[in-house]
Protein backbone atom coordinates (compact mmCIF):
# COMPACT_ATOMS: atom_id res chain seq x y z
CA VAL A 1 0.12 -0.10 0.17
CA ILE A 2 2.91 2.55 0.70
CA ALA A 3 4.79 1.72 -2.42
CA HIS A 4 1.48 1.95 -4.19
CA GLU A 5 0.69 5.54 -2.73
CA ILE A 6 4.21 6.84 -2.97
CA SER A 7 4.07 5.87 -6.88
CA HIS A 8 0.72 7.92 -7.40
CA SER A 9 3.18 11.05 -6.89
CA TRP A 10 4.01 10.76 -10.26
CA THR A 11 1.24 8.24 -11.98
CA GLY A 12 -1.92 10.09 -10.76
CA ASN A 13 -0.75 13.10 -9.34
CA LEU A 14 2.05 14.64 -11.72
CA VAL A 15 0.15 13.07 -14.69
CA THR A 16 -3.58 12.20 -14.64
CA ASN A 17 -6.31 10.76 -16.21
CA LYS A 18 -8.39 13.40 -18.10
CA THR A 19 -11.99 11.53 -17.19
CA TRP A 20 -12.69 8.54 -15.10
CA GLU A 21 -13.09 6.48 -18.40
CA HIS A 22 -9.27 6.35 -18.49
CA PHE A 23 -8.87 5.64 -14.63
CA TRP A 24 -6.24 2.95 -16.03
CA LEU A 25 -3.86 5.67 -16.88
CA ASN A 26 -3.95 6.43 -12.91
CA GLU A 27 -3.82 2.88 -11.59
CA GLY A 28 -2.26 0.32 -13.76
CA HIS A 29 1.00 2.87 -14.27
CA THR A 30 1.19 2.84 -10.52
CA VAL A 31 0.77 -1.11 -9.69
CA TYR A 32 3.54 -1.23 -12.00
CA LEU A 33 5.72 1.46 -10.40
CA GLU A 34 4.84 -0.26 -7.14
CA ARG A 35 5.81 -3.74 -8.29
CA ARG A 36 9.02 -2.44 -9.87
CA ILE A 37 9.56 -1.02 -5.92
CA GLY A 38 9.00 -4.65 -4.96
CA GLY A 39 11.58 -6.05 -7.31
CA ARG A 40 14.45 -3.92 -6.36
CA LEU A 41 13.64 -4.69 -2.45
CA PHE A 42 13.30 -8.67 -3.02
CA GLY A 43 14.11 -9.64 -6.53
CA GLU A 44 12.62 -10.14 -9.92
CA GLN A 45 11.03 -13.42 -9.05
CA PHE A 46 9.16 -11.56 -6.20
CA ARG A 47 7.97 -9.09 -9.13
CA ASN A 48 6.93 -11.49 -10.89
CA PHE A 49 5.06 -13.44 -7.93
CA GLN A 50 3.13 -10.28 -7.19
CA ALA A 51 2.09 -9.93 -10.93
CA LEU A 52 0.82 -13.21 -10.99
CA GLY A 53 -1.17 -12.42 -7.92
CA GLY A 54 -2.37 -9.62 -9.79
CA TRP A 55 -3.69 -11.65 -12.74
CA ARG A 56 -5.44 -13.98 -9.98
CA GLU A 57 -7.31 -11.00 -8.62
CA LEU A 58 -8.31 -9.81 -11.89
CA GLN A 59 -9.54 -13.15 -12.95
CA ASN A 60 -11.37 -13.07 -9.49
CA THR A 61 -13.14 -9.74 -10.07
CA ILE A 62 -14.11 -10.50 -13.70
CA ASN A 63 -15.73 -14.32 -12.71
CA THR A 64 -17.67 -11.54 -9.99
CA LEU A 65 -18.71 -9.07 -12.51
CA GLY A 66 -19.33 -11.66 -15.54
CA ASP A 67 -16.87 -11.58 -18.34
CA LYS A 68 -19.40 -9.51 -20.70
CA ASN A 69 -19.74 -6.93 -18.36
CA PRO A 70 -18.55 -3.43 -19.83
CA VAL A 71 -17.43 -2.51 -16.59
CA THR A 72 -14.59 -4.97 -16.93
CA ASN A 73 -13.54 -2.93 -20.25
CA LEU A 74 -9.91 -1.46 -19.61
CA ILE A 75 -11.29 2.10 -21.27
CA LEU A 76 -14.57 2.38 -19.78
CA ASN A 77 -18.19 3.72 -21.23
CA LEU A 78 -19.71 5.90 -18.43
CA ASP A 79 -22.70 7.61 -20.39
CA GLU A 80 -25.03 7.95 -17.48
CA VAL A 81 -22.86 5.52 -15.45
CA ASP A 82 -21.52 6.77 -11.97
CA PRO A 83 -18.05 5.72 -11.81
CA ASP A 84 -17.95 5.04 -8.27
CA VAL A 85 -20.55 2.11 -9.69
CA ALA A 86 -18.08 1.11 -12.09
CA TYR A 87 -15.07 0.67 -10.01
CA SER A 88 -13.26 -2.55 -9.30
CA SER A 89 -9.76 -3.97 -9.67
CA VAL A 90 -10.02 -4.09 -13.57
CA PRO A 91 -8.39 -0.59 -14.07
CA TYR A 92 -5.34 -1.70 -11.50
CA GLU A 93 -5.12 -5.15 -12.65
CA LYS A 94 -5.79 -5.26 -16.71
CA GLY A 95 -3.86 -1.85 -16.96
CA PHE A 96 -0.91 -3.33 -15.32
CA ALA A 97 -1.29 -6.38 -17.30
CA LEU A 98 -1.15 -4.61 -20.50
CA LEU A 99 2.08 -2.44 -19.22
CA PHE A 100 3.84 -5.91 -18.09
CA TYR A 101 2.63 -7.25 -21.45
CA LEU A 102 4.17 -4.63 -23.22
CA GLU A 103 7.46 -4.62 -21.55
CA GLN A 104 8.04 -8.13 -22.30
CA LEU A 105 7.21 -7.21 -25.92
CA LEU A 106 9.50 -4.13 -26.05
CA GLY A 107 13.05 -4.84 -24.52
CA GLY A 108 12.46 -6.02 -20.76
CA PRO A 109 11.99 -4.15 -17.51
CA ASP A 110 15.23 -1.45 -17.83
CA VAL A 111 13.92 -0.46 -21.26
CA PHE A 112 10.46 -0.17 -20.61
CA MET A 113 11.24 2.02 -17.45
CA GLY A 114 13.03 4.58 -19.90
CA PHE A 115 9.73 5.09 -21.41
CA LEU A 116 8.05 5.35 -18.48
CA LYS A 117 10.52 8.29 -17.08
CA ALA A 118 9.95 9.82 -20.39
CA TYR A 119 6.25 9.57 -20.41
CA VAL A 120 5.87 11.03 -16.74
CA GLN A 121 8.40 13.77 -18.00
CA ASN A 122 6.56 14.42 -20.71
CA PHE A 123 2.94 14.96 -19.39
CA ALA A 124 3.82 15.90 -16.38
CA TYR A 125 1.44 18.77 -14.77
CA LYS A 126 -1.21 17.64 -17.57
CA SER A 127 -4.61 15.72 -17.75
CA ILE A 128 -4.42 13.17 -20.70
CA VAL A 129 -6.48 10.20 -22.01
CA THR A 130 -5.58 6.72 -23.30
CA GLU A 131 -5.10 7.93 -27.19
CA ASP A 132 -2.03 10.55 -25.77
CA TRP A 133 -0.61 7.75 -24.27
CA LYS A 134 -0.60 5.68 -26.83
CA LYS A 135 0.67 8.38 -29.63
CA PHE A 136 3.46 8.99 -27.03
CA LEU A 137 4.00 4.99 -26.57
CA TYR A 138 4.55 4.63 -30.50
CA SER A 139 6.77 8.03 -30.61
CA TYR A 140 9.10 6.65 -28.18
CA PHE A 141 9.40 3.25 -29.51
CA LYS A 142 9.40 4.56 -32.95
CA ASP A 143 12.11 2.09 -34.20
CA LYS A 144 9.45 -1.19 -32.77
CA VAL A 145 6.60 0.44 -34.70
CA ASP A 146 5.93 -3.20 -36.23
CA ILE A 147 5.73 -5.18 -32.75
CA LEU A 148 3.46 -2.28 -31.04
CA ASP A 149 1.15 -2.66 -34.70
CA LYS A 150 0.65 -6.77 -33.80
CA VAL A 151 -1.04 -5.28 -30.43
CA ASP A 152 -4.73 -6.01 -30.28
CA TRP A 153 -5.46 -2.74 -29.02
CA ASN A 154 -9.24 -3.06 -29.55
CA SER A 155 -9.50 -6.11 -27.54
CA TRP A 156 -7.09 -4.60 -24.44
CA PHE A 157 -8.97 -1.13 -24.66
CA HIS A 158 -12.42 -2.30 -25.49
CA ALA A 159 -13.23 -5.87 -24.93
CA PRO A 160 -14.88 -7.02 -21.60
CA GLY A 161 -13.52 -9.82 -19.71
CA MET A 162 -9.66 -11.19 -19.42
CA PRO A 163 -6.98 -9.39 -21.86
CA PRO A 164 -6.51 -10.92 -24.97
CA VAL A 165 -2.93 -12.04 -24.07
CA LYS A 166 -1.69 -13.42 -20.54
CA PRO A 167 1.90 -12.12 -20.12
CA LYS A 168 4.92 -14.33 -19.32
CA TYR A 169 5.32 -14.78 -15.44
CA ASP A 170 8.36 -16.41 -13.61
CA MET A 171 6.52 -19.28 -11.49
CA THR A 172 9.07 -20.33 -8.72
CA LEU A 173 7.37 -18.64 -6.24
CA SER A 174 4.42 -19.70 -7.15
CA ASN A 175 4.54 -23.11 -7.69
CA ALA A 176 4.41 -24.36 -3.92
CA CYS A 177 1.02 -22.48 -3.61
CA VAL A 178 -0.56 -24.13 -6.72
CA ALA A 179 0.75 -27.66 -5.44
CA LEU A 180 -0.76 -27.11 -2.14
CA SER A 181 -3.71 -25.74 -3.54
CA GLN A 182 -4.16 -28.60 -5.99
CA ARG A 183 -3.59 -31.27 -3.51
CA TRP A 184 -6.89 -29.72 -1.28
CA VAL A 185 -8.90 -29.34 -4.14
CA GLN A 186 -8.34 -33.19 -5.46
CA ALA A 187 -8.38 -34.50 -1.48
CA LYS A 188 -10.81 -37.04 -0.85
CA GLU A 189 -12.17 -37.47 2.86
CA SER A 190 -9.81 -40.24 3.28
CA ASP A 191 -6.61 -37.97 2.32
CA LEU A 192 -7.31 -35.22 4.71
CA GLY A 193 -5.27 -36.92 7.51
CA SER A 194 -2.06 -36.11 5.12
CA PHE A 195 -1.75 -32.59 5.87
CA SER A 196 -0.02 -31.30 8.53
CA SER A 197 1.24 -27.57 9.89
CA ALA A 198 4.45 -28.70 8.01
CA ASP A 199 2.67 -27.70 4.87
CA LEU A 200 3.38 -24.15 5.56
CA LYS A 201 6.60 -24.45 6.94
CA GLU A 202 8.47 -22.70 4.01
CA MET A 203 5.93 -20.75 2.80
CA SER A 204 5.94 -16.62 3.21
CA SER A 205 2.98 -14.56 3.81
CA HIS A 206 2.61 -13.43 0.42
CA GLN A 207 2.51 -17.33 -0.40
CA LEU A 208 -0.40 -17.98 2.04
CA ILE A 209 -2.14 -15.21 0.05
CA GLU A 210 -1.60 -16.46 -3.23
CA PHE A 211 -2.27 -20.15 -1.58
CA LEU A 212 -5.80 -19.00 -0.19
CA ALA A 213 -6.54 -17.04 -3.78
CA LEU A 214 -5.65 -19.83 -6.03
CA LEU A 215 -8.37 -21.96 -3.99
CA LEU A 216 -11.04 -18.89 -4.66
CA LEU A 217 -10.97 -19.87 -7.89
CA GLU A 218 -12.21 -23.04 -7.65
CA ALA A 219 -15.37 -24.49 -6.91
CA PRO A 220 -16.05 -23.98 -2.86
CA LEU A 221 -14.49 -26.80 -0.88
CA PRO A 222 -16.47 -29.31 0.91
CA LEU A 223 -17.28 -27.96 4.62
CA SER A 224 -14.81 -31.00 6.06
CA HIS A 225 -11.99 -29.58 3.74
CA VAL A 226 -12.19 -26.14 5.42
CA GLN A 227 -12.68 -27.64 9.09
CA ARG A 228 -9.29 -29.66 8.57
CA MET A 229 -7.62 -26.54 7.02
CA GLN A 230 -8.35 -24.67 10.12
CA GLU A 231 -7.64 -27.62 12.72
CA VAL A 232 -3.81 -27.91 10.77
CA TYR A 233 -3.31 -24.04 9.84
CA ASP A 234 -4.97 -22.37 12.28
CA PHE A 235 -5.77 -19.41 10.08
CA ASN A 236 -8.05 -18.33 12.64
CA ALA A 237 -5.43 -17.01 14.82
CA ILE A 238 -3.93 -15.26 11.67
CA ASN A 239 -4.53 -11.08 11.74
CA ASN A 240 -2.77 -10.63 8.47
CA SER A 241 -5.73 -8.81 6.66
CA GLU A 242 -5.04 -9.74 3.10
CA ILE A 243 -4.55 -13.97 4.43
CA ARG A 244 -7.46 -13.42 6.68
CA PHE A 245 -9.97 -11.75 3.85
CA ARG A 246 -9.29 -14.60 1.71
CA TRP A 247 -9.73 -17.27 4.37
CA LEU A 248 -13.21 -16.24 5.63
CA ARG A 249 -14.20 -15.81 2.09
CA LEU A 250 -13.34 -19.44 1.28
CA CYS A 251 -14.94 -20.71 4.69
CA ILE A 252 -18.44 -18.84 3.88
CA ARG A 253 -18.10 -20.09 0.34
CA SER A 254 -17.87 -23.46 1.69
CA LYS A 255 -21.09 -22.65 3.92
CA TRP A 256 -19.34 -22.90 7.29
CA GLU A 257 -21.88 -21.48 9.83
CA ALA A 258 -19.07 -21.22 12.34
CA ALA A 259 -17.24 -18.36 10.26
CA ILE A 260 -20.21 -16.15 9.70
CA PRO A 261 -19.21 -13.80 12.95
CA LEU A 262 -15.83 -13.94 12.02
CA ALA A 263 -16.68 -12.72 8.51
CA LEU A 264 -19.26 -9.66 9.56
CA LYS A 265 -16.36 -8.69 12.34
CA MET A 266 -14.07 -8.09 9.80
CA ALA A 267 -16.48 -6.76 6.89
CA THR A 268 -17.42 -4.07 9.93
CA ASP A 269 -13.82 -3.73 11.67
CA GLN A 270 -12.04 -1.98 8.78
CA GLY A 271 -13.36 0.20 6.31
CA ARG A 272 -11.65 -0.60 3.02
CA MET A 273 -13.88 -1.45 0.62
CA LYS A 274 -11.69 -4.41 -1.26
CA PHE A 275 -12.39 -6.23 1.99
CA THR A 276 -16.16 -5.14 3.21
CA ARG A 277 -17.78 -5.36 -0.03
CA PRO A 278 -16.66 -9.13 -1.11
CA LEU A 279 -17.33 -10.19 2.41
CA PHE A 280 -20.76 -9.13 2.46
CA ARG A 281 -21.66 -10.56 -0.91
CA ASP A 282 -20.72 -13.91 0.32
CA LEU A 283 -22.68 -13.48 3.38
CA TYR A 284 -25.55 -12.22 1.35
CA SER A 285 -25.34 -15.68 -0.81
CA PHE A 286 -25.02 -17.75 2.01
CA ASP A 287 -28.91 -18.58 3.15
CA LYS A 288 -27.72 -19.05 6.73
CA SER A 289 -26.28 -15.62 6.84
CA ARG A 290 -28.10 -13.50 4.60
CA ASP A 291 -30.42 -11.56 6.71
CA LEU A 292 -27.92 -11.13 9.52
CA ALA A 293 -25.71 -9.68 6.57
CA VAL A 294 -28.48 -7.36 6.06
CA LYS A 295 -29.18 -6.62 9.64
CA THR A 296 -25.51 -6.01 10.38
CA PHE A 297 -24.48 -3.45 7.21
CA LEU A 298 -28.00 -1.35 8.22
CA GLU A 299 -26.82 -1.11 11.81
CA HIS A 300 -23.15 0.24 10.44
CA ARG A 301 -23.65 1.94 7.32
CA ALA A 302 -23.84 5.37 8.65
CA SER A 303 -20.06 4.81 9.84
CA MET A 304 -18.81 3.86 6.02
CA HIS A 305 -17.24 5.55 3.58
CA PRO A 306 -20.62 6.94 1.18
CA VAL A 307 -19.09 4.86 -1.90
CA THR A 308 -18.49 1.39 0.10
CA SER A 309 -22.07 1.99 1.74
CA MET A 310 -23.57 2.98 -1.63
CA LEU A 311 -22.01 -0.42 -3.06
CA VAL A 312 -22.77 -2.83 -0.55
CA GLY A 313 -26.17 -1.47 -0.41
CA LYS A 314 -26.76 -2.32 -4.38
CA ASP A 315 -24.89 -5.85 -3.57
CA LEU A 316 -27.73 -6.74 -0.68
CA LYS A 317 -30.73 -5.19 -2.31
CA GLN A 318 -31.13 -2.43 -0.03
CA ASP A 319 -30.69 0.39 -2.43
CA GLN A 320 -31.79 0.55 -6.18
């Protein structure tokens, strides 16, 4: 979060999107810079791991919104649409994916960073639209126009759903997460005894987040599986918000009633829409927690950020 907000000093503040249709110019570039900072601190494998996590987050968002939903376009059509209603992770992660893809096409991280510095210098103190950005990209890489012409710009900018091309990712740090998540997905009741706390011994907090994020892309696990997961991993004792958020979503999706008060507590103890809105959505989708989710929301909505209150109200069918 800190790296992201610092990066906004250049992309978002010094160079700003002219209208909300082009919000990705702010957020896609800022996520790119945030992950470059992570790469400088922890190495390129970590940067790729974070980038892949962003791709999973984009998949999750598009699964929720629908892959034909126009709010999943990178450039939005906001005619008679409140930009707050259209807000999602799409401008962040689809925007980043485009920049990461272009980095790979045009010569690598250092080459693309040269472009980004020139972009900020060229448009400093200005508000721009995507066409301005694209024209500058072509002028900066004038010796690589043939490569740029092969990019499916229309699909990247104007098609809903996932991007037309998936960038390449170093999978080194992700492989352990994929392997463990698939063990749980494929496990039968008789296999549950094979899991132990040792499964997580070598995993970082970032890898735990990725492990849970991968499970959220699958069909809900049987209740016995998440109960066993709690027995061996004790996720309820973890206060890291990113881990706890995904764990509680996993529990509610598997219809574990014991997780309802924990999910409601997290949905109301903090105010970040990225946590509050999905938790309330999941609680509303679970018949055993639907009424309590609505009751809890109505009790707390006055203390929520107005945009969060509005969007959760729509999700819970309390507002038009």
